[in-house]
PDB file of N, CA and C in Angstrom:
ATOM      1  N   UNK A   1      -6.405   7.992   1.168  1.00  0.00           N
ATOM      2  CA  UNK A   1      -7.090   8.250  -0.060  1.00  0.00           C
ATOM      3  C   UNK A   1      -7.967   7.040  -0.408  1.00  0.00           C
ATOM      4  N   UNK A   2      -9.214   7.295  -0.613  1.00  0.00           N
ATOM      5  CA  UNK A   2     -10.165   6.219  -0.913  1.00  0.00           C
ATOM      6  C   UNK A   2     -10.108   5.872  -2.412  1.00  0.00           C
ATOM      7  N   UNK A   3      -9.926   4.609  -2.662  1.00  0.00           N
ATOM      8  CA  UNK A   3      -9.827   4.109  -4.021  1.00  0.00           C
ATOM      9  C   UNK A   3     -11.051   3.276  -4.372  1.00  0.00           C
ATOM     10  N   UNK A   4     -12.107   3.375  -3.578  1.00  0.00           N
ATOM     11  CA  UNK A   4     -13.370   2.674  -3.834  1.00  0.00           C
ATOM     12  C   UNK A   4     -13.216   1.169  -3.888  1.00  0.00           C
ATOM     13  N   UNK A   5     -12.419   0.612  -2.942  1.00  0.00           N
ATOM     14  CA  UNK A   5     -12.261  -0.806  -2.831  1.00  0.00           C
ATOM     15  C   UNK A   5     -11.342  -1.447  -3.861  1.00  0.00           C
ATOM     16  N   UNK A   6     -10.596  -0.662  -4.528  1.00  0.00           N
ATOM     17  CA  UNK A   6      -9.664  -1.156  -5.556  1.00  0.00           C
ATOM     18  C   UNK A   6      -8.349  -1.569  -4.921  1.00  0.00           C
ATOM     19  N   UNK A   7      -7.804  -2.702  -5.326  1.00  0.00           N
ATOM     20  CA  UNK A   7      -6.481  -3.127  -4.869  1.00  0.00           C
ATOM     21  C   UNK A   7      -5.450  -2.197  -5.510  1.00  0.00           C
ATOM     22  N   UNK A   8      -4.542  -1.662  -4.687  1.00  0.00           N
ATOM     23  CA  UNK A   8      -3.562  -0.728  -5.242  1.00  0.00           C
ATOM     24  C   UNK A   8      -2.250  -0.828  -4.509  1.00  0.00           C
ATOM     25  N   UNK A   9      -1.153  -0.558  -5.213  1.00  0.00           N
ATOM     26  CA  UNK A   9       0.140  -0.436  -4.582  1.00  0.00           C
ATOM     27  C   UNK A   9       0.730   0.958  -4.803  1.00  0.00           C
ATOM     28  N   UNK A  10      -0.178   1.918  -5.090  1.00  0.00           N
ATOM     29  CA  UNK A  10       0.239   3.305  -5.225  1.00  0.00           C
ATOM     30  C   UNK A  10       0.288   3.951  -3.856  1.00  0.00           C
ATOM     31  N   UNK A  11       1.155   4.957  -3.700  1.00  0.00           N
ATOM     32  CA  UNK A  11       1.319   5.644  -2.420  1.00  0.00           C
ATOM     33  C   UNK A  11       1.148   7.141  -2.663  1.00  0.00           C
ATOM     34  N   UNK A  12       0.328   7.763  -1.841  1.00  0.00           N
ATOM     35  CA  UNK A  12       0.069   9.182  -1.965  1.00  0.00           C
ATOM     36  C   UNK A  12       0.359   9.888  -0.615  1.00  0.00           C
ATOM     37  N   UNK A  13       0.764  11.102  -0.706  1.00  0.00           N
ATOM     38  CA  UNK A  13       0.993  11.933   0.487  1.00  0.00           C
ATOM     39  C   UNK A  13       0.009  13.086   0.470  1.00  0.00           C
ATOM     40  N   UNK A  14      -0.657  13.333   1.586  1.00  0.00           N
ATOM     41  CA  UNK A  14      -1.571  14.463   1.692  1.00  0.00           C
ATOM     42  C   UNK A  14      -0.823  15.686   2.119  1.00  0.00           C
ATOM     43  N   UNK A  15      -0.811  16.726   1.280  1.00  0.00           N
ATOM     44  CA  UNK A  15      -0.236  18.001   1.672  1.00  0.00           C
ATOM     45  C   UNK A  15      -1.346  18.795   2.331  1.00  0.00           C
ATOM     46  N   UNK A  16      -1.432  18.683   3.674  1.00  0.00           N
ATOM     47  CA  UNK A  16      -2.573  19.152   4.455  1.00  0.00           C
ATOM     48  C   UNK A  16      -2.761  20.655   4.349  1.00  0.00           C
ATOM     49  N   UNK A  17      -1.692  21.431   4.212  1.00  0.00           N
ATOM     50  CA  UNK A  17      -1.826  22.877   4.149  1.00  0.00           C
ATOM     51  C   UNK A  17      -2.612  23.309   2.885  1.00  0.00           C
ATOM     52  N   UNK A  18      -2.535  22.496   1.857  1.00  0.00           N
ATOM     53  CA  UNK A  18      -3.239  22.815   0.582  1.00  0.00           C
ATOM     54  C   UNK A  18      -4.316  21.819   0.234  1.00  0.00           C
ATOM     55  N   UNK A  19      -4.497  20.766   1.029  1.00  0.00           N
ATOM     56  CA  UNK A  19      -5.454  19.699   0.800  1.00  0.00           C
ATOM     57  C   UNK A  19      -5.318  19.110  -0.602  1.00  0.00           C
ATOM     58  N   UNK A  20      -4.012  18.818  -0.953  1.00  0.00           N
ATOM     59  CA  UNK A  20      -3.749  18.198  -2.200  1.00  0.00           C
ATOM     60  C   UNK A  20      -3.032  16.864  -1.987  1.00  0.00           C
ATOM     61  N   UNK A  21      -3.347  15.911  -2.825  1.00  0.00           N
ATOM     62  CA  UNK A  21      -2.715  14.584  -2.791  1.00  0.00           C
ATOM     63  C   UNK A  21      -1.558  14.601  -3.760  1.00  0.00           C
ATOM     64  N   UNK A  22      -0.388  14.110  -3.356  1.00  0.00           N
ATOM     65  CA  UNK A  22       0.801  14.014  -4.206  1.00  0.00           C
ATOM     66  C   UNK A  22       1.226  12.537  -4.258  1.00  0.00           C
ATOM     67  N   UNK A  23       1.373  12.021  -5.463  1.00  0.00           N
ATOM     68  CA  UNK A  23       1.839  10.637  -5.614  1.00  0.00           C
ATOM     69  C   UNK A  23       3.321  10.575  -5.337  1.00  0.00           C
ATOM     70  N   UNK A  24       3.733   9.630  -4.501  1.00  0.00           N
ATOM     71  CA  UNK A  24       5.126   9.474  -4.127  1.00  0.00           C
ATOM     72  C   UNK A  24       5.599   8.048  -4.495  1.00  0.00           C
ATOM     73  N   UNK A  25       6.925   7.899  -4.681  1.00  0.00           N
ATOM     74  CA  UNK A  25       7.508   6.597  -4.992  1.00  0.00           C
ATOM     75  C   UNK A  25       8.529   6.285  -3.897  1.00  0.00           C
ATOM     76  N   UNK A  26       8.198   5.360  -2.976  1.00  0.00           N
ATOM     77  CA  UNK A  26       9.150   4.987  -1.945  1.00  0.00           C
ATOM     78  C   UNK A  26      10.288   4.167  -2.544  1.00  0.00           C
ATOM     79  N   UNK A  27      11.398   4.142  -1.865  1.00  0.00           N
ATOM     80  CA  UNK A  27      12.530   3.282  -2.272  1.00  0.00           C
ATOM     81  C   UNK A  27      12.102   1.829  -2.075  1.00  0.00           C
ATOM     82  N   UNK A  28      12.416   0.950  -3.005  1.00  0.00           N
ATOM     83  CA  UNK A  28      12.076  -0.440  -2.831  1.00  0.00           C
ATOM     84  C   UNK A  28      12.832  -1.065  -1.639  1.00  0.00           C
ATOM     85  N   UNK A  29      12.287  -2.107  -1.050  1.00  0.00           N
ATOM     86  CA  UNK A  29      13.007  -2.775   0.063  1.00  0.00           C
ATOM     87  C   UNK A  29      14.370  -3.240  -0.420  1.00  0.00           C
ATOM     88  N   UNK A  30      15.395  -3.231   0.452  1.00  0.00           N
ATOM     89  CA  UNK A  30      16.737  -3.623   0.044  1.00  0.00           C
ATOM     90  C   UNK A  30      16.801  -5.096  -0.405  1.00  0.00           C
ATOM     91  N   UNK A  31      15.921  -5.924   0.084  1.00  0.00           N
ATOM     92  CA  UNK A  31      15.912  -7.298  -0.334  1.00  0.00           C
ATOM     93  C   UNK A  31      14.425  -7.736  -0.469  1.00  0.00           C
ATOM     94  N   UNK A  32      14.191  -8.593  -1.426  1.00  0.00           N
ATOM     95  CA  UNK A  32      12.849  -9.085  -1.641  1.00  0.00           C
ATOM     96  C   UNK A  32      12.054  -8.191  -2.584  1.00  0.00           C
ATOM     97  N   UNK A  33      10.798  -8.523  -2.758  1.00  0.00           N
ATOM     98  CA  UNK A  33       9.913  -7.832  -3.651  1.00  0.00           C
ATOM     99  C   UNK A  33       9.186  -6.667  -2.949  1.00  0.00           C
ATOM    100  N   UNK A  34       8.755  -5.647  -3.711  1.00  0.00           N
ATOM    101  CA  UNK A  34       7.944  -4.585  -3.095  1.00  0.00           C
ATOM    102  C   UNK A  34       6.572  -5.131  -2.733  1.00  0.00           C
ATOM    103  N   UNK A  35       5.829  -4.385  -1.890  1.00  0.00           N
ATOM    104  CA  UNK A  35       4.489  -4.854  -1.515  1.00  0.00           C
ATOM    105  C   UNK A  35       3.570  -5.034  -2.714  1.00  0.00           C
ATOM    106  N   UNK A  36       2.746  -6.059  -2.676  1.00  0.00           N
ATOM    107  CA  UNK A  36       1.768  -6.274  -3.730  1.00  0.00           C
ATOM    108  C   UNK A  36       0.585  -5.329  -3.562  1.00  0.00           C
ATOM    109  N   UNK A  37      -0.221  -5.119  -4.617  1.00  0.00           N
ATOM    110  CA  UNK A  37      -1.435  -4.302  -4.472  1.00  0.00           C
ATOM    111  C   UNK A  37      -2.332  -4.886  -3.374  1.00  0.00           C
ATOM    112  N   UNK A  38      -2.927  -4.026  -2.588  1.00  0.00           N
ATOM    113  CA  UNK A  38      -3.718  -4.470  -1.436  1.00  0.00           C
ATOM    114  C   UNK A  38      -4.722  -3.398  -1.001  1.00  0.00           C
ATOM    115  N   UNK A  39      -5.608  -3.781  -0.124  1.00  0.00           N
ATOM    116  CA  UNK A  39      -6.509  -2.832   0.532  1.00  0.00           C
ATOM    117  C   UNK A  39      -6.696  -3.292   1.972  1.00  0.00           C
ATOM    118  N   UNK A  40      -7.220  -2.420   2.815  1.00  0.00           N
ATOM    119  CA  UNK A  40      -7.488  -2.796   4.185  1.00  0.00           C
ATOM    120  C   UNK A  40      -6.256  -3.028   5.057  1.00  0.00           C
ATOM    121  N   UNK A  41      -5.163  -2.419   4.734  1.00  0.00           N
ATOM    122  CA  UNK A  41      -3.889  -2.610   5.454  1.00  0.00           C
ATOM    123  C   UNK A  41      -3.683  -1.526   6.528  1.00  0.00           C
ATOM    124  N   UNK A  42      -2.705  -1.712   7.348  1.00  0.00           N
ATOM    125  CA  UNK A  42      -2.259  -0.667   8.298  1.00  0.00           C
ATOM    126  C   UNK A  42      -1.017   0.016   7.740  1.00  0.00           C
ATOM    127  N   UNK A  43      -0.986   1.320   7.848  1.00  0.00           N
ATOM    128  CA  UNK A  43       0.165   2.092   7.316  1.00  0.00           C
ATOM    129  C   UNK A  43       0.484   3.189   8.306  1.00  0.00           C
ATOM    130  N   UNK A  44       1.693   3.209   8.812  1.00  0.00           N
ATOM    131  CA  UNK A  44       2.074   4.205   9.812  1.00  0.00           C
ATOM    132  C   UNK A  44       3.382   4.884   9.406  1.00  0.00           C
ATOM    133  N   UNK A  45       3.497   6.139   9.754  1.00  0.00           N
ATOM    134  CA  UNK A  45       4.720   6.883   9.525  1.00  0.00           C
ATOM    135  C   UNK A  45       5.339   7.218  10.889  1.00  0.00           C
ATOM    136  N   UNK A  46       6.623   6.918  11.006  1.00  0.00           N
ATOM    137  CA  UNK A  46       7.353   7.210  12.243  1.00  0.00           C
ATOM    138  C   UNK A  46       8.743   7.688  11.830  1.00  0.00           C
ATOM    139  N   UNK A  47       9.052   8.945  12.151  1.00  0.00           N
ATOM    140  CA  UNK A  47      10.305   9.502  11.698  1.00  0.00           C
ATOM    141  C   UNK A  47      10.340   9.596  10.186  1.00  0.00           C
ATOM    142  N   UNK A  48      11.382   9.058   9.581  1.00  0.00           N
ATOM    143  CA  UNK A  48      11.532   9.066   8.130  1.00  0.00           C
ATOM    144  C   UNK A  48      11.162   7.740   7.496  1.00  0.00           C
ATOM    145  N   UNK A  49      10.516   6.878   8.279  1.00  0.00           N
ATOM    146  CA  UNK A  49      10.210   5.533   7.746  1.00  0.00           C
ATOM    147  C   UNK A  49       8.672   5.286   7.782  1.00  0.00           C
ATOM    148  N   UNK A  50       8.209   4.489   6.834  1.00  0.00           N
ATOM    149  CA  UNK A  50       6.835   4.078   6.779  1.00  0.00           C
ATOM    150  C   UNK A  50       6.743   2.587   7.051  1.00  0.00           C
ATOM    151  N   UNK A  51       5.719   2.204   7.729  1.00  0.00           N
ATOM    152  CA  UNK A  51       5.534   0.793   8.076  1.00  0.00           C
ATOM    153  C   UNK A  51       4.178   0.348   7.519  1.00  0.00           C
ATOM    154  N   UNK A  52       4.196  -0.758   6.809  1.00  0.00           N
ATOM    155  CA  UNK A  52       3.029  -1.320   6.160  1.00  0.00           C
ATOM    156  C   UNK A  52       2.833  -2.731   6.678  1.00  0.00           C
ATOM    157  N   UNK A  53       1.601  -3.032   7.121  1.00  0.00           N
ATOM    158  CA  UNK A  53       1.292  -4.379   7.616  1.00  0.00           C
ATOM    159  C   UNK A  53      -0.012  -4.890   7.055  1.00  0.00           C
ATOM    160  N   UNK A  54       0.018  -6.117   6.580  1.00  0.00           N
ATOM    161  CA  UNK A  54      -1.174  -6.892   6.271  1.00  0.00           C
ATOM    162  C   UNK A  54      -2.056  -6.337   5.189  1.00  0.00           C
ATOM    163  N   UNK A  55      -3.324  -6.670   5.320  1.00  0.00           N
ATOM    164  CA  UNK A  55      -4.351  -6.241   4.351  1.00  0.00           C
ATOM    165  C   UNK A  55      -4.914  -7.425   3.596  1.00  0.00           C
ATOM    166  N   UNK A  56      -5.475  -7.087   2.487  1.00  0.00           N
ATOM    167  CA  UNK A  56      -6.193  -8.073   1.643  1.00  0.00           C
ATOM    168  C   UNK A  56      -5.693  -7.915   0.211  1.00  0.00           C
ATOM    169  N   UNK A  57      -5.327  -9.032  -0.435  1.00  0.00           N
ATOM    170  CA  UNK A  57      -4.891  -8.980  -1.844  1.00  0.00           C
ATOM    171  C   UNK A  57      -5.823  -9.892  -2.670  1.00  0.00           C
ATOM    172  N   UNK A  58      -5.727  -9.754  -3.978  1.00  0.00           N
ATOM    173  CA  UNK A  58      -6.511 -10.603  -4.848  1.00  0.00           C
ATOM    174  C   UNK A  58      -5.623 -11.728  -5.371  1.00  0.00           C
ATOM    175  N   UNK A  59      -5.994 -12.944  -5.029  1.00  0.00           N
ATOM    176  CA  UNK A  59      -5.214 -14.156  -5.424  1.00  0.00           C
ATOM    177  C   UNK A  59      -5.316 -14.399  -6.931  1.00  0.00           C
ATOM    178  N   UNK A  60      -6.394 -13.936  -7.554  1.00  0.00           N
ATOM    179  CA  UNK A  60      -6.611 -14.127  -8.972  1.00  0.00           C
ATOM    180  C   UNK A  60      -5.816 -13.136  -9.790  1.00  0.00           C
ATOM    181  N   UNK A  61      -5.265 -13.616 -10.928  1.00  0.00           N
ATOM    182  CA  UNK A  61      -4.566 -12.701 -11.803  1.00  0.00           C
ATOM    183  C   UNK A  61      -5.539 -11.886 -12.664  1.00  0.00           C
ATOM    184  N   UNK A  62      -6.798 -12.294 -12.695  1.00  0.00           N
ATOM    185  CA  UNK A  62      -7.853 -11.574 -13.414  1.00  0.00           C
ATOM    186  C   UNK A  62      -8.484 -10.584 -12.453  1.00  0.00           C
ATOM    187  N   UNK A  63      -8.306  -9.293 -12.698  1.00  0.00           N
ATOM    188  CA  UNK A  63      -8.803  -8.261 -11.763  1.00  0.00           C
ATOM    189  C   UNK A  63     -10.305  -8.265 -11.638  1.00  0.00           C
ATOM    190  N   UNK A  64     -11.027  -8.884 -12.605  1.00  0.00           N
ATOM    191  CA  UNK A  64     -12.485  -8.950 -12.516  1.00  0.00           C
ATOM    192  C   UNK A  64     -12.956 -10.131 -11.675  1.00  0.00           C
ATOM    193  N   UNK A  65     -12.064 -11.021 -11.314  1.00  0.00           N
ATOM    194  CA  UNK A  65     -12.372 -12.205 -10.506  1.00  0.00           C
ATOM    195  C   UNK A  65     -11.706 -12.024  -9.142  1.00  0.00           C
ATOM    196  N   UNK A  66     -12.487 -11.753  -8.127  1.00  0.00           N
ATOM    197  CA  UNK A  66     -11.900 -11.488  -6.779  1.00  0.00           C
ATOM    198  C   UNK A  66     -11.800 -12.774  -5.971  1.00  0.00           C
ATOM    199  N   UNK A  67     -10.578 -13.186  -5.714  1.00  0.00           N
ATOM    200  CA  UNK A  67     -10.293 -14.337  -4.849  1.00  0.00           C
ATOM    201  C   UNK A  67      -9.458 -13.789  -3.710  1.00  0.00           C
ATOM    202  N   UNK A  68     -10.090 -13.452  -2.567  1.00  0.00           N
ATOM    203  CA  UNK A  68      -9.380 -12.780  -1.489  1.00  0.00           C
ATOM    204  C   UNK A  68      -8.243 -13.610  -0.875  1.00  0.00           C
ATOM    205  N   UNK A  69      -7.160 -12.935  -0.571  1.00  0.00           N
ATOM    206  CA  UNK A  69      -6.032 -13.582   0.164  1.00  0.00           C
ATOM    207  C   UNK A  69      -5.642 -12.630   1.289  1.00  0.00           C
ATOM    208  N   UNK A  70      -5.739 -13.095   2.523  1.00  0.00           N
ATOM    209  CA  UNK A  70      -5.396 -12.302   3.682  1.00  0.00           C
ATOM    210  C   UNK A  70      -3.890 -12.274   3.842  1.00  0.00           C
ATOM    211  N   UNK A  71      -3.358 -11.091   4.089  1.00  0.00           N
ATOM    212  CA  UNK A  71      -1.908 -10.905   4.187  1.00  0.00           C
ATOM    213  C   UNK A  71      -1.507 -10.642   5.655  1.00  0.00           C
ATOM    214  N   UNK A  72      -0.340 -11.114   6.035  1.00  0.00           N
ATOM    215  CA  UNK A  72       0.192 -10.759   7.346  1.00  0.00           C
ATOM    216  C   UNK A  72       1.664 -10.403   7.204  1.00  0.00           C
ATOM    217  N   UNK A  73       2.019  -9.806   6.061  1.00  0.00           N
ATOM    218  CA  UNK A  73       3.349  -9.389   5.801  1.00  0.00           C
ATOM    219  C   UNK A  73       3.647  -8.018   6.388  1.00  0.00           C
ATOM    220  N   UNK A  74       4.919  -7.681   6.522  1.00  0.00           N
ATOM    221  CA  UNK A  74       5.326  -6.415   7.122  1.00  0.00           C
ATOM    222  C   UNK A  74       6.452  -5.820   6.277  1.00  0.00           C
ATOM    223  N   UNK A  75       6.348  -4.532   6.000  1.00  0.00           N
ATOM    224  CA  UNK A  75       7.350  -3.818   5.214  1.00  0.00           C
ATOM    225  C   UNK A  75       7.767  -2.545   5.943  1.00  0.00           C
ATOM    226  N   UNK A  76       9.038  -2.247   5.867  1.00  0.00           N
ATOM    227  CA  UNK A  76       9.596  -0.990   6.346  1.00  0.00           C
ATOM    228  C   UNK A  76      10.060  -0.247   5.118  1.00  0.00           C
ATOM    229  N   UNK A  77       9.501   0.916   4.810  1.00  0.00           N
ATOM    230  CA  UNK A  77       9.822   1.662   3.595  1.00  0.00           C
ATOM    231  C   UNK A  77      10.429   3.001   3.982  1.00  0.00           C
ATOM    232  N   UNK A  78      11.311   3.483   3.120  1.00  0.00           N
ATOM    233  CA  UNK A  78      11.918   4.801   3.338  1.00  0.00           C
ATOM    234  C   UNK A  78      11.515   5.754   2.247  1.00  0.00           C
TER     235      UNK A  78
END
């Protein structure tokens, strides 16, 4: 789903038979914090698990001020 370059930590599922997007809430990781808002990441589904790697986050707390931070973190989500 294209968010027009906006940093996001929302997750959507495409229901291909109806071409509808459904917002989903994955279970948080058993330890640590959930993924921060990001763009340009890799996201794969294998079996019942989702894998999220890297991307780009905004280092600034002001969303109007973009200070890019490159990520190399990895998450396994269910």
